[in-house]
Amino acid sequence: MPLDPLAKRFLAMMAAATSAARTRPTISERRASLAKLMQFARAEAANVAATDSSFPGPAGDIRYRLYVPARDDGSALPGFVFFHGGGMVAGSIDTHDRLAAALTDATGCRLVSVDYRLAPEHKFPAAVEDAIAATEFVARNASALGIDAQRLVVGGDSAGATLAAVVCHHAQRQAGLAIAAQCLICPVLDFEEISPSREQFAEDLLIHRATLEADLADYLPQGADVADIRISPLRAGDLKGLPTAIIHTAEFDPLRDEGNAYARKLLAAGVDVEHVCHDCMIHNFLAMGAVLPQARLALSQIGEQVRRAVA
């Protein structure tokens, strides 16, 4: 199917506001670009309450933002540990505030958005260590956070979805860390092999080949193995026993094929999977609800899927 006309118009607007050169972006450019992009998230969850706090992490305190849905009655609710996107080099709980609030409203979960360490200041595996520590913190302190520890979801968008998948692999091997479901939105899952969609949509579709390559170079220390399942979760051999997976991909996303392949691989391993590949859409369109109506529909769909998974 053809690219959605509204998405096409949005891409043209973004292209007009940026340099035509497809050179490697600097870190400051990458962070400024993502912050600008995330302003197009729809701000509709005004009744969602949010408070900031922190917990001790592997290398110092990690900031987080706890979102509580408007219909909260004080009883323990399902929990959602959320990791923001940004290629492990950009993004924060502030850039993703609107998206996190929208997910809280849609899912009815108490959502914990995690400000994990970013590269290049903190190379791999810093973000992974923080993501695992955050999930363990929420599970350990579920009662104090108003969360039912038996109904815990981990998820994220783009690179944040990578972290969510990695946390699930960790929990698979770690007794005592129970995760009910994983929610992966336009996930980045494989750097060992270049998929056809990465080749086909390498340019002019929001996330460019140069950006992906720059993010990876900034994230990984020299000599890192890109087949490491903490970098490329699609390369994991044993997927049995992983949590129920909710996976959303997009037709015109360079990362589409790896997300679709992960859904198939999980199904083959006996994991319950709800997978939607959204026709005519671009990478991480769910974070652009202010300009793309499909984002609102997809967020509503995710809300229903998460509610089912933790019922």
Protein backbone atom coordinates (compact mmCIF):
# COMPACT_ATOMS: atom_id res chain seq x y z
CA MET A 1 0.00 0.00 0.00
CA PRO A 2 1.20 3.58 -0.56
CA LEU A 3 2.57 5.79 2.19
CA ASP A 4 -0.24 7.51 4.09
CA PRO A 5 -0.81 11.07 2.70
CA LEU A 6 -0.69 12.66 6.17
CA ALA A 7 2.53 10.82 6.98
CA LYS A 8 3.97 11.91 3.63
CA ARG A 9 3.06 15.54 4.36
CA PHE A 10 4.58 15.27 7.82
CA LEU A 11 7.83 13.87 6.42
CA ALA A 12 7.99 16.70 3.87
CA MET A 13 7.52 19.24 6.66
CA MET A 14 10.28 17.65 8.74
CA ALA A 15 12.62 17.49 5.72
CA ALA A 16 12.05 21.16 4.97
CA ALA A 17 13.02 22.08 8.52
CA THR A 18 16.31 20.15 8.46
CA SER A 19 19.46 19.97 6.39
CA ALA A 20 19.21 17.98 3.18
CA ALA A 21 22.60 16.42 3.87
CA ARG A 22 22.47 12.84 5.14
CA THR A 23 25.73 13.00 7.05
CA ARG A 24 26.37 11.60 10.48
CA PRO A 25 24.54 13.79 13.02
CA THR A 26 26.37 15.05 16.08
CA ILE A 27 25.06 14.04 19.49
CA SER A 28 23.64 17.50 20.12
CA GLU A 29 21.90 17.43 16.71
CA ARG A 30 20.50 13.97 17.38
CA ARG A 31 19.13 14.97 20.76
CA ALA A 32 17.66 18.23 19.49
CA SER A 33 16.06 16.42 16.55
CA LEU A 34 14.35 13.84 18.76
CA ALA A 35 13.15 16.47 21.22
CA LYS A 36 11.60 18.38 18.32
CA LEU A 37 9.99 15.26 16.89
CA MET A 38 8.44 14.24 20.20
CA GLN A 39 6.58 17.55 20.38
CA PHE A 40 4.17 15.98 17.90
CA ALA A 41 2.99 13.47 20.49
CA ARG A 42 -0.63 14.13 21.35
CA ALA A 43 -1.17 15.82 24.71
CA GLU A 44 -4.56 14.47 25.73
CA ALA A 45 -4.01 12.70 29.03
CA ALA A 46 -4.32 15.83 31.18
CA ASN A 47 -5.85 13.90 34.05
CA VAL A 48 -2.89 11.56 34.37
CA ALA A 49 -0.86 12.47 37.46
CA ALA A 50 2.94 12.30 37.35
CA THR A 51 5.64 12.54 40.01
CA ASP A 52 9.42 12.36 39.68
CA SER A 53 11.71 10.38 41.93
CA SER A 54 14.86 8.26 41.74
CA PHE A 55 16.33 4.97 42.90
CA PRO A 56 19.90 3.72 43.35
CA GLY A 57 21.25 2.30 40.11
CA PRO A 58 24.43 0.45 39.14
CA ALA A 59 26.36 3.73 38.71
CA GLY A 60 24.37 6.27 40.67
CA ASP A 61 20.77 7.35 41.08
CA ILE A 62 18.39 6.76 38.17
CA ARG A 63 15.57 9.23 37.74
CA TYR A 64 12.09 7.98 36.94
CA ARG A 65 8.61 9.44 36.49
CA LEU A 66 5.61 7.61 37.91
CA TYR A 67 2.34 8.14 36.02
CA VAL A 68 -0.99 7.31 37.64
CA PRO A 69 -4.18 7.01 35.58
CA ALA A 70 -7.08 9.32 36.39
CA ARG A 71 -9.35 6.43 37.36
CA ASP A 72 -6.93 5.18 40.01
CA ASP A 73 -8.84 4.29 43.20
CA GLY A 74 -5.80 3.59 45.35
CA SER A 75 -5.78 -0.18 44.80
CA ALA A 76 -2.80 -1.96 43.28
CA LEU A 77 -2.84 -1.59 39.49
CA PRO A 78 -0.88 -3.35 36.76
CA GLY A 79 2.56 -1.79 36.31
CA PHE A 80 4.28 -0.73 33.09
CA VAL A 81 8.04 -0.13 33.09
CA PHE A 82 8.63 2.12 30.09
CA PHE A 83 11.92 2.78 28.27
CA HIS A 84 12.04 5.74 25.89
CA GLY A 85 13.45 5.57 22.38
CA GLY A 86 16.29 7.58 20.88
CA GLY A 87 18.89 5.08 19.69
CA MET A 88 20.42 4.81 23.19
CA VAL A 89 21.93 8.27 22.66
CA ALA A 90 18.93 10.62 22.80
CA GLY A 91 15.63 11.00 24.58
CA SER A 92 14.62 11.27 28.21
CA ILE A 93 11.60 11.01 30.46
CA ASP A 94 10.94 14.62 29.46
CA THR A 95 10.97 14.13 25.68
CA HIS A 96 8.64 11.14 26.06
CA ASP A 97 6.37 12.67 28.68
CA ARG A 98 3.32 12.92 26.42
CA LEU A 99 3.73 9.41 25.04
CA ALA A 100 4.17 7.95 28.53
CA ALA A 101 1.04 9.77 29.73
CA ALA A 102 -0.92 8.52 26.71
CA LEU A 103 0.18 4.93 27.39
CA THR A 104 -0.83 5.30 31.03
CA ASP A 105 -4.26 6.51 30.01
CA ALA A 106 -4.70 3.80 27.36
CA THR A 107 -3.50 0.84 29.43
CA GLY A 108 -4.81 1.79 32.87
CA CYS A 109 -1.40 0.89 34.30
CA ARG A 110 0.75 2.78 36.74
CA LEU A 111 3.63 3.54 34.43
CA VAL A 112 7.26 4.05 35.46
CA SER A 113 9.25 5.92 32.78
CA VAL A 114 12.99 5.35 33.24
CA ASP A 115 15.76 7.89 32.59
CA TYR A 116 18.48 5.35 31.82
CA ARG A 117 22.05 6.39 31.00
CA LEU A 118 22.78 7.44 27.43
CA ALA A 119 25.78 6.98 25.13
CA PRO A 120 28.32 8.16 24.18
CA GLU A 121 28.84 9.36 27.76
CA HIS A 122 27.84 5.89 28.95
CA LYS A 123 28.56 3.13 26.48
CA PHE A 124 26.91 -0.31 26.27
CA PRO A 125 25.99 -2.07 28.52
CA ALA A 126 25.12 0.93 30.75
CA ALA A 127 21.58 1.34 29.38
CA VAL A 128 20.95 -2.40 29.67
CA GLU A 129 22.18 -2.45 33.27
CA ASP A 130 19.92 0.49 34.13
CA ALA A 131 16.91 -1.12 32.43
CA ILE A 132 17.35 -4.35 34.38
CA ALA A 133 17.92 -2.44 37.62
CA ALA A 134 14.78 -0.37 37.01
CA THR A 135 12.61 -3.42 36.40
CA GLU A 136 13.97 -5.14 39.49
CA PHE A 137 13.39 -1.97 41.51
CA VAL A 138 9.75 -1.76 40.40
CA ALA A 139 9.16 -5.46 41.08
CA ARG A 140 10.80 -5.21 44.51
CA ASN A 141 8.95 -2.01 45.46
CA ALA A 142 5.68 -2.74 43.69
CA SER A 143 3.52 -2.32 46.76
CA ALA A 144 4.95 1.11 47.60
CA LEU A 145 4.43 2.19 43.98
CA GLY A 146 0.81 1.02 44.00
CA ILE A 147 1.62 -1.75 41.53
CA ASP A 148 0.55 -5.39 41.47
CA ALA A 149 3.87 -7.22 41.05
CA GLN A 150 2.12 -10.15 39.37
CA ARG A 151 0.85 -7.89 36.57
CA LEU A 152 4.04 -6.24 35.38
CA VAL A 153 4.61 -5.11 31.79
CA VAL A 154 7.88 -3.88 30.30
CA GLY A 155 7.90 -1.92 27.08
CA GLY A 156 9.29 0.90 25.03
CA ASP A 157 9.45 2.56 21.66
CA SER A 158 12.25 2.05 19.13
CA ALA A 159 15.52 1.57 21.07
CA GLY A 160 13.49 1.55 24.27
CA ALA A 161 11.79 -1.56 22.92
CA THR A 162 15.24 -3.10 22.52
CA LEU A 163 15.79 -2.62 26.24
CA ALA A 164 12.39 -4.10 27.05
CA ALA A 165 13.18 -7.21 25.01
CA VAL A 166 16.58 -7.54 26.68
CA VAL A 167 15.01 -7.22 30.14
CA CYS A 168 12.66 -10.09 29.25
CA HIS A 169 15.60 -12.28 28.23
CA HIS A 170 17.25 -11.44 31.54
CA ALA A 171 14.08 -12.31 33.47
CA GLN A 172 13.86 -15.60 31.56
CA ARG A 173 17.15 -16.62 33.18
CA GLN A 174 16.63 -14.89 36.53
CA ALA A 175 14.45 -16.63 39.09
CA GLY A 176 12.12 -14.31 40.96
CA LEU A 177 11.61 -11.62 38.31
CA ALA A 178 8.15 -12.19 36.86
CA ILE A 179 7.07 -10.21 33.80
CA ALA A 180 3.53 -10.69 32.51
CA ALA A 181 3.97 -9.03 29.11
CA GLN A 182 6.31 -7.08 26.87
CA CYS A 183 5.13 -4.22 24.66
CA LEU A 184 7.48 -3.47 21.78
CA ILE A 185 6.68 -0.43 19.63
CA CYS A 186 8.66 -0.27 16.34
CA PRO A 187 11.50 -2.20 18.01
CA VAL A 188 15.18 -2.20 17.03
CA LEU A 189 16.16 -5.87 17.29
CA ASP A 190 18.99 -6.78 14.94
CA PHE A 191 22.32 -5.20 14.01
CA GLU A 192 24.01 -8.37 12.76
CA GLU A 193 22.17 -8.56 9.46
CA ILE A 194 20.81 -5.74 7.29
CA SER A 195 17.19 -6.60 6.49
CA PRO A 196 15.44 -5.76 3.20
CA SER A 197 13.36 -3.06 4.94
CA ARG A 198 16.53 -1.38 6.25
CA GLU A 199 17.78 -1.26 2.67
CA GLN A 200 14.47 -0.26 1.10
CA PHE A 201 13.67 2.53 3.57
CA ALA A 202 17.19 3.75 4.29
CA GLU A 203 16.40 7.37 3.36
CA ASP A 204 13.63 9.95 3.62
CA LEU A 205 11.39 8.04 6.04
CA LEU A 206 12.08 9.80 9.34
CA ILE A 207 14.96 7.62 10.52
CA HIS A 208 17.91 7.48 8.14
CA ARG A 209 20.69 4.98 7.63
CA ALA A 210 23.27 7.58 8.72
CA THR A 211 21.39 8.13 11.97
CA LEU A 212 21.13 4.41 12.76
CA GLU A 213 24.82 3.92 12.01
CA ALA A 214 25.83 6.94 14.09
CA ASP A 215 23.70 5.82 17.04
CA LEU A 216 25.23 2.35 16.99
CA ALA A 217 28.78 3.74 16.72
CA ASP A 218 28.17 6.05 19.67
CA TYR A 219 26.48 3.33 21.73
CA LEU A 220 28.91 0.44 21.35
CA PRO A 221 32.46 0.27 22.71
CA GLN A 222 35.13 -0.82 20.28
CA GLY A 223 35.13 -4.56 19.73
CA ALA A 224 31.54 -5.16 20.87
CA ASP A 225 29.83 -8.13 19.22
CA VAL A 226 26.68 -6.93 17.45
CA ALA A 227 25.30 -10.48 17.66
CA ASP A 228 25.19 -10.18 21.47
CA ILE A 229 21.52 -10.66 22.33
CA ARG A 230 21.68 -7.56 24.54
CA ILE A 231 22.31 -5.61 21.32
CA SER A 232 20.41 -7.78 18.83
CA PRO A 233 17.64 -9.66 20.71
CA LEU A 234 16.48 -11.24 17.45
CA ARG A 235 19.66 -13.34 17.57
CA ALA A 236 18.63 -15.11 20.79
CA GLY A 237 18.44 -18.86 20.41
CA ASP A 238 16.09 -19.74 23.26
CA LEU A 239 12.82 -17.81 23.33
CA LYS A 240 10.73 -20.35 25.21
CA GLY A 241 9.09 -19.04 28.33
CA LEU A 242 9.36 -15.36 27.40
CA PRO A 243 6.42 -13.16 28.41
CA THR A 244 3.41 -12.52 26.22
CA ALA A 245 4.50 -10.14 23.46
CA ILE A 246 2.60 -7.16 22.08
CA ILE A 247 4.49 -5.99 19.00
CA HIS A 248 3.61 -3.05 16.75
CA THR A 249 5.54 -2.44 13.55
CA ALA A 250 4.96 -0.14 10.56
CA GLU A 251 4.96 -0.84 6.83
CA PHE A 252 7.33 2.01 5.88
CA ASP A 253 9.75 1.57 8.80
CA PRO A 254 13.33 0.47 8.08
CA LEU A 255 13.08 -1.62 11.27
CA ARG A 256 9.88 -3.36 10.13
CA ASP A 257 11.40 -6.67 9.08
CA GLU A 258 13.23 -7.35 12.33
CA GLY A 259 10.12 -6.63 14.39
CA ASN A 260 8.04 -8.88 12.17
CA ALA A 261 10.70 -11.60 12.32
CA TYR A 262 10.81 -11.41 16.11
CA ALA A 263 7.04 -11.86 16.30
CA ARG A 264 7.28 -14.97 14.09
CA LYS A 265 10.18 -16.35 16.09
CA LEU A 266 8.38 -15.87 19.40
CA LEU A 267 5.27 -17.58 18.02
CA ALA A 268 7.37 -20.52 16.85
CA ALA A 269 8.77 -20.80 20.39
CA GLY A 270 5.27 -21.07 21.85
CA VAL A 271 5.06 -17.50 23.17
CA ASP A 272 1.68 -15.75 23.04
CA VAL A 273 2.02 -12.88 20.55
CA GLU A 274 -0.26 -10.07 19.42
CA HIS A 275 1.42 -8.48 16.43
CA VAL A 276 0.16 -5.65 14.26
CA CYS A 277 2.06 -4.27 11.27
CA HIS A 278 0.40 -0.95 10.50
CA ASP A 279 -0.18 -0.33 6.82
CA CYS A 280 1.04 2.94 5.26
CA MET A 281 2.77 4.08 8.48
CA ILE A 282 6.32 5.18 9.34
CA HIS A 283 8.73 4.49 12.17
CA ASN A 284 7.37 5.27 15.62
CA PHE A 285 4.25 6.91 14.23
CA LEU A 286 2.52 6.18 17.56
CA ALA A 287 4.43 9.10 19.07
CA MET A 288 2.94 11.55 16.54
CA GLY A 289 -0.68 11.60 17.56
CA ALA A 290 -0.94 15.37 17.11
CA VAL A 291 -0.59 14.96 13.33
CA LEU A 292 -1.38 11.30 12.58
CA PRO A 293 -4.84 10.03 13.59
CA GLN A 294 -3.61 6.45 13.18
CA ALA A 295 -1.42 6.98 16.24
CA ARG A 296 -4.46 7.45 18.44
CA LEU A 297 -6.06 4.28 17.09
CA ALA A 298 -2.86 2.30 17.61
CA LEU A 299 -2.47 3.57 21.18
CA SER A 300 -6.04 2.55 21.90
CA GLN A 301 -5.30 -0.88 20.46
CA ILE A 302 -2.19 -1.23 22.63
CA GLY A 303 -4.28 -0.26 25.63
CA GLU A 304 -6.74 -3.07 24.92
CA GLN A 305 -3.93 -5.57 24.33
CA VAL A 306 -2.12 -4.71 27.55
CA ARG A 307 -5.37 -4.88 29.54
CA ARG A 308 -5.99 -8.37 28.18
CA ALA A 309 -2.44 -9.47 28.95
CA VAL A 310 -2.65 -8.43 32.61
CA ALA A 311 -6.31 -9.26 33.25
